[in-house]
Amino acid sequence: MVLQENFRGTIATLCFLVLSIFLLLAMVASTSSVIKTDQIVGTIESATAGPLNPKASIGRGFYYQYSVRLHNDGLLVLVRGDIKRPLRLGHHVLIDRQYWQNGRITYRLSGPAGFGL
């Protein structure tokens, strides 16, 4: 009986350690740095205010999410903008395309609000 309770405690401890190691490895794998940045021009096609659920804004605040059509390859990308400085549809903006070590590519407005061109 005592041996069985000890065995359960050992199994629980091992499961906790394995889970902790997996979480630590996932955190380390997700950390990456930007290796290259390009500036490209795009046109705003649509805009939505976010987040849709106001409770989700806690800690992040409100923002505009823009659909921007890139001029160089016609790709449609999503970028976030400051809620205090809305940009008009059809507006030309500068976008930073960031290449990460882990292979991700992200897009963000260049400058304070992706100033219009």
Protein backbone atom coordinates (compact mmCIF):
# COMPACT_ATOMS: atom_id res chain seq x y z
CA MET A 1 0.00 0.00 0.00
CA VAL A 2 2.76 2.45 0.97
CA LEU A 3 4.79 1.36 -2.06
CA GLN A 4 1.82 2.10 -4.33
CA GLU A 5 1.44 5.66 -2.91
CA ASN A 6 5.17 6.28 -3.35
CA PHE A 7 4.91 5.09 -6.94
CA ARG A 8 2.04 7.53 -7.62
CA GLY A 9 4.08 10.41 -6.18
CA THR A 10 7.07 9.46 -8.32
CA ILE A 11 4.93 9.27 -11.47
CA ALA A 12 3.35 12.66 -10.71
CA THR A 13 6.78 14.23 -10.16
CA LEU A 14 8.12 12.75 -13.40
CA CYS A 15 5.11 14.01 -15.35
CA PHE A 16 5.58 17.48 -13.89
CA LEU A 17 9.29 17.50 -14.81
CA VAL A 18 8.65 16.29 -18.36
CA LEU A 19 5.93 18.91 -18.88
CA SER A 20 8.23 21.63 -17.49
CA ILE A 21 11.02 20.60 -19.86
CA PHE A 22 8.66 20.66 -22.86
CA LEU A 23 7.40 24.13 -21.93
CA LEU A 24 10.95 25.40 -21.47
CA LEU A 25 12.00 24.00 -24.86
CA ALA A 26 8.96 25.59 -26.52
CA MET A 27 9.85 28.98 -25.02
CA VAL A 28 13.46 28.70 -26.17
CA ALA A 29 12.39 27.63 -29.67
CA SER A 30 10.02 30.59 -30.01
CA THR A 31 12.71 33.15 -29.25
CA SER A 32 14.28 34.35 -32.45
CA SER A 33 15.83 37.54 -33.72
CA VAL A 34 15.31 39.59 -36.86
CA ILE A 35 18.04 38.89 -39.41
CA LYS A 36 16.89 41.17 -42.24
CA THR A 37 14.40 44.01 -42.80
CA ASP A 38 13.06 45.38 -46.09
CA GLN A 39 10.97 48.51 -46.59
CA ILE A 40 8.17 48.15 -49.09
CA VAL A 41 5.20 50.26 -50.16
CA GLY A 42 1.59 49.13 -49.97
CA THR A 43 -1.95 50.45 -50.29
CA ILE A 44 -4.54 50.13 -47.52
CA GLU A 45 -7.54 48.14 -48.76
CA SER A 46 -9.54 47.72 -45.56
CA ALA A 47 -9.44 48.56 -41.87
CA THR A 48 -11.08 47.09 -38.78
CA ALA A 49 -10.93 48.17 -35.17
CA GLY A 50 -9.69 45.55 -32.75
CA PRO A 51 -9.99 43.62 -30.68
CA LEU A 52 -13.61 42.64 -31.24
CA ASN A 53 -13.98 41.65 -27.57
CA PRO A 54 -13.16 44.67 -25.35
CA LYS A 55 -11.98 42.35 -22.57
CA ALA A 56 -9.17 41.19 -24.87
CA SER A 57 -7.78 44.74 -24.95
CA ILE A 58 -6.57 44.52 -21.36
CA GLY A 59 -2.80 44.93 -21.43
CA ARG A 60 -2.68 45.44 -25.21
CA GLY A 61 -5.07 48.30 -25.85
CA PHE A 62 -7.14 49.00 -28.93
CA TYR A 63 -5.73 49.13 -32.45
CA TYR A 64 -6.65 49.21 -36.13
CA GLN A 65 -5.87 46.17 -38.24
CA TYR A 66 -5.24 47.09 -41.86
CA SER A 67 -5.29 44.88 -44.94
CA VAL A 68 -2.47 46.23 -47.09
CA ARG A 69 -1.79 45.21 -50.71
CA LEU A 70 1.96 45.27 -51.35
CA HIS A 71 3.06 47.04 -54.54
CA ASN A 72 6.01 44.81 -55.38
CA ASP A 73 4.27 41.40 -55.44
CA GLY A 74 0.53 42.04 -54.92
CA LEU A 75 0.50 40.11 -51.63
CA LEU A 76 -2.23 41.06 -49.13
CA VAL A 77 -0.85 41.34 -45.57
CA LEU A 78 -2.32 42.34 -42.21
CA VAL A 79 -0.63 45.03 -40.10
CA ARG A 80 -1.67 46.77 -36.90
CA GLY A 81 -1.83 50.51 -36.49
CA ASP A 82 -2.29 52.96 -33.64
CA ILE A 83 -5.90 53.71 -32.74
CA LYS A 84 -5.00 57.41 -32.26
CA ARG A 85 -3.83 57.84 -35.87
CA PRO A 86 -6.25 56.18 -38.30
CA LEU A 87 -5.20 55.85 -41.94
CA ARG A 88 -7.60 56.20 -44.87
CA LEU A 89 -8.49 53.50 -47.36
CA GLY A 90 -6.41 53.86 -50.53
CA HIS A 91 -3.61 55.47 -48.52
CA HIS A 92 -0.05 54.45 -49.51
CA VAL A 93 2.08 53.39 -46.54
CA LEU A 94 5.60 52.16 -45.88
CA ILE A 95 5.78 48.64 -44.43
CA ASP A 96 8.73 46.91 -42.78
CA ARG A 97 9.01 43.24 -43.79
CA GLN A 98 11.00 41.43 -41.09
CA TYR A 99 12.75 38.10 -41.70
CA TRP A 100 13.34 36.08 -38.50
CA GLN A 101 15.92 33.41 -37.74
CA ASN A 102 13.25 30.75 -37.33
CA GLY A 103 11.87 31.39 -40.85
CA ARG A 104 8.93 33.64 -39.91
CA ILE A 105 8.16 36.75 -41.94
CA THR A 106 6.25 39.57 -40.24
CA TYR A 107 4.98 42.94 -41.42
CA ARG A 108 4.56 46.19 -39.49
CA LEU A 109 3.91 49.82 -40.28
CA SER A 110 7.14 51.72 -40.72
CA GLY A 111 7.65 54.74 -38.50
CA PRO A 112 5.17 56.06 -35.93
CA ALA A 113 2.08 55.30 -38.03
CA GLY A 114 3.42 54.07 -41.36
CA PHE A 115 3.31 57.71 -42.51
CA GLY A 116 1.48 58.17 -45.78
CA LEU A 117 3.21 58.66 -49.09
